[in-house]
């Protein structure tokens, strides 16, 4: 922060002396008690209507809020133009993949039969029950 130094010689100039004398000659007016009393009476007279205004505002604010809410509800409920339905953007890749997966599941269940896991329907080479494959161990 930069400090500015004032030259005290400027305060001793002739223009400054003239202003100093003018300010010293201004009389100090003290307010009379009668004027203060009349001011207090006027302030009391102005302060009386304030509680009436507050009581009216206490009733009017909720009433205005209810009126605004009712008007808003009426506008929403009585809308004459039909609401636009949102358009769903269809992407063919996802739907096609879901349909294909469903069709493959149906084919597997037809091949495997009722109650069998499609993984169990793979042919395994066993001779007399001695050769067990990993699929057979998983199903146990």
Protein backbone atom coordinates (compact mmCIF):
# COMPACT_ATOMS: atom_id res chain seq x y z
CA UNK A 1 0.00 0.00 0.00
CA UNK A 2 1.36 3.37 -0.96
CA UNK A 3 1.30 6.19 1.57
CA UNK A 4 0.83 9.72 0.50
CA UNK A 5 2.38 12.41 2.60
CA UNK A 6 0.62 15.74 2.93
CA UNK A 7 2.43 18.95 2.95
CA UNK A 8 1.53 20.81 6.16
CA UNK A 9 2.36 24.10 4.51
CA UNK A 10 -0.85 23.77 2.44
CA UNK A 11 -2.87 23.84 5.68
CA UNK A 12 -1.32 27.14 6.68
CA UNK A 13 -2.36 28.93 3.47
CA UNK A 14 -4.56 32.02 3.33
CA UNK A 15 -7.51 30.11 1.78
CA UNK A 16 -7.45 27.65 4.62
CA UNK A 17 -7.46 30.41 7.21
CA UNK A 18 -10.53 31.97 5.60
CA UNK A 19 -12.47 28.67 5.68
CA UNK A 20 -11.40 28.10 9.28
CA UNK A 21 -12.83 31.51 10.30
CA UNK A 22 -16.10 30.87 8.44
CA UNK A 23 -16.63 27.53 10.16
CA UNK A 24 -15.78 29.01 13.56
CA UNK A 25 -18.41 31.77 13.09
CA UNK A 26 -21.26 29.32 12.30
CA UNK A 27 -23.59 29.30 15.32
CA UNK A 28 -24.39 26.00 17.00
CA UNK A 29 -28.17 25.78 16.88
CA UNK A 30 -29.67 23.55 19.47
CA UNK A 31 -33.16 22.34 18.75
CA UNK A 32 -35.81 23.73 21.01
CA UNK A 33 -37.85 21.45 23.22
CA UNK A 34 -41.10 22.67 21.59
CA UNK A 35 -39.86 21.62 18.14
CA UNK A 36 -38.76 18.21 19.47
CA UNK A 37 -42.14 17.73 21.11
CA UNK A 38 -44.05 18.57 17.93
CA UNK A 39 -41.81 16.16 15.98
CA UNK A 40 -42.54 13.37 18.46
CA UNK A 41 -46.29 14.02 18.18
CA UNK A 42 -46.16 13.79 14.39
CA UNK A 43 -44.15 10.56 14.57
CA UNK A 44 -46.72 9.02 16.93
CA UNK A 45 -49.55 10.02 14.62
CA UNK A 46 -47.80 8.38 11.66
CA UNK A 47 -47.03 5.18 13.60
CA UNK A 48 -50.67 4.40 14.45
CA UNK A 49 -51.79 3.11 11.00
CA UNK A 50 -48.92 0.62 10.78
CA UNK A 51 -50.58 -2.15 12.87
CA UNK A 52 -53.76 -1.86 10.76
CA UNK A 53 -51.69 -2.36 7.63
CA UNK A 54 -49.96 -5.35 9.20
CA UNK A 55 -53.30 -6.95 10.10
CA UNK A 56 -54.61 -6.44 6.58
CA UNK A 57 -51.39 -7.88 5.11
CA UNK A 58 -51.70 -10.85 7.48
CA UNK A 59 -55.06 -11.71 5.90
CA UNK A 60 -54.35 -10.64 2.32
CA UNK A 61 -51.07 -12.50 1.76
CA UNK A 62 -52.49 -16.01 2.27
CA UNK A 63 -55.62 -15.07 0.32
CA UNK A 64 -53.53 -13.88 -2.61
CA UNK A 65 -51.43 -17.04 -2.43
CA UNK A 66 -54.54 -19.22 -2.50
CA UNK A 67 -55.98 -17.24 -5.39
CA UNK A 68 -52.76 -17.61 -7.37
CA UNK A 69 -52.61 -21.36 -6.64
CA UNK A 70 -56.24 -21.79 -7.66
CA UNK A 71 -55.69 -19.91 -10.90
CA UNK A 72 -52.64 -22.01 -11.68
CA UNK A 73 -54.56 -25.22 -10.98
CA UNK A 74 -57.42 -24.06 -13.21
CA UNK A 75 -55.02 -23.33 -16.06
CA UNK A 76 -53.39 -26.72 -15.73
CA UNK A 77 -56.64 -28.67 -15.41
CA UNK A 78 -58.58 -26.83 -18.11
CA UNK A 79 -55.90 -26.87 -20.77
CA UNK A 80 -57.67 -27.08 -24.13
CA UNK A 81 -54.80 -28.32 -26.27
CA UNK A 82 -53.93 -31.99 -25.80
CA UNK A 83 -50.61 -32.68 -24.23
CA UNK A 84 -47.96 -33.85 -26.62
CA UNK A 85 -46.76 -37.37 -26.04
CA UNK A 86 -43.02 -37.68 -25.92
CA UNK A 87 -41.52 -39.43 -28.90
CA UNK A 88 -39.31 -42.38 -28.18
CA UNK A 89 -36.30 -42.67 -30.37
CA UNK A 90 -35.95 -46.22 -31.57
CA UNK A 91 -32.57 -47.67 -32.19
CA UNK A 92 -32.74 -50.86 -34.23
CA UNK A 93 -29.61 -52.41 -32.76
CA UNK A 94 -30.86 -52.95 -29.23
CA UNK A 95 -34.28 -54.21 -30.21
CA UNK A 96 -32.85 -56.53 -32.84
CA UNK A 97 -30.39 -57.97 -30.33
CA UNK A 98 -33.16 -58.57 -27.78
CA UNK A 99 -35.39 -60.30 -30.36
CA UNK A 100 -32.52 -62.46 -31.57
CA UNK A 101 -31.62 -63.50 -28.02
CA UNK A 102 -35.25 -64.38 -27.31
CA UNK A 103 -35.48 -66.50 -30.47
CA UNK A 104 -32.27 -68.35 -29.61
CA UNK A 105 -33.58 -69.07 -26.12
CA UNK A 106 -36.78 -70.52 -27.59
CA UNK A 107 -34.80 -72.73 -29.99
CA UNK A 108 -32.56 -73.98 -27.18
CA UNK A 109 -35.51 -74.81 -24.96
CA UNK A 110 -37.16 -76.70 -27.87
CA UNK A 111 -34.01 -78.72 -28.48
CA UNK A 112 -33.27 -79.40 -24.82
CA UNK A 113 -36.81 -80.17 -23.78
CA UNK A 114 -38.74 -79.25 -20.70
CA UNK A 115 -36.75 -78.82 -17.48
CA UNK A 116 -33.30 -79.28 -18.96
CA UNK A 117 -30.51 -76.77 -19.09
CA UNK A 118 -29.35 -76.08 -22.68
CA UNK A 119 -25.80 -76.72 -21.49
CA UNK A 120 -26.77 -80.26 -20.50
CA UNK A 121 -28.07 -81.11 -23.95
CA UNK A 122 -24.60 -81.28 -25.51
CA UNK A 123 -23.62 -84.72 -26.59
CA UNK A 124 -20.97 -86.31 -24.37
CA UNK A 125 -18.88 -89.34 -25.13
CA UNK A 126 -19.20 -91.83 -22.33
CA UNK A 127 -18.50 -95.49 -22.33
CA UNK A 128 -20.21 -97.31 -19.52
CA UNK A 129 -20.34 -94.19 -17.30
CA UNK A 130 -16.56 -94.00 -16.77
CA UNK A 131 -15.82 -90.91 -18.89
CA UNK A 132 -17.21 -87.79 -17.25
CA UNK A 133 -16.90 -84.47 -18.98
CA UNK A 134 -16.57 -81.07 -17.30
CA UNK A 135 -20.17 -80.28 -18.24
CA UNK A 136 -21.34 -83.29 -16.29
CA UNK A 137 -19.40 -82.19 -13.22
CA UNK A 138 -20.84 -78.71 -13.44
CA UNK A 139 -24.37 -80.03 -13.51
CA UNK A 140 -23.87 -81.97 -10.28
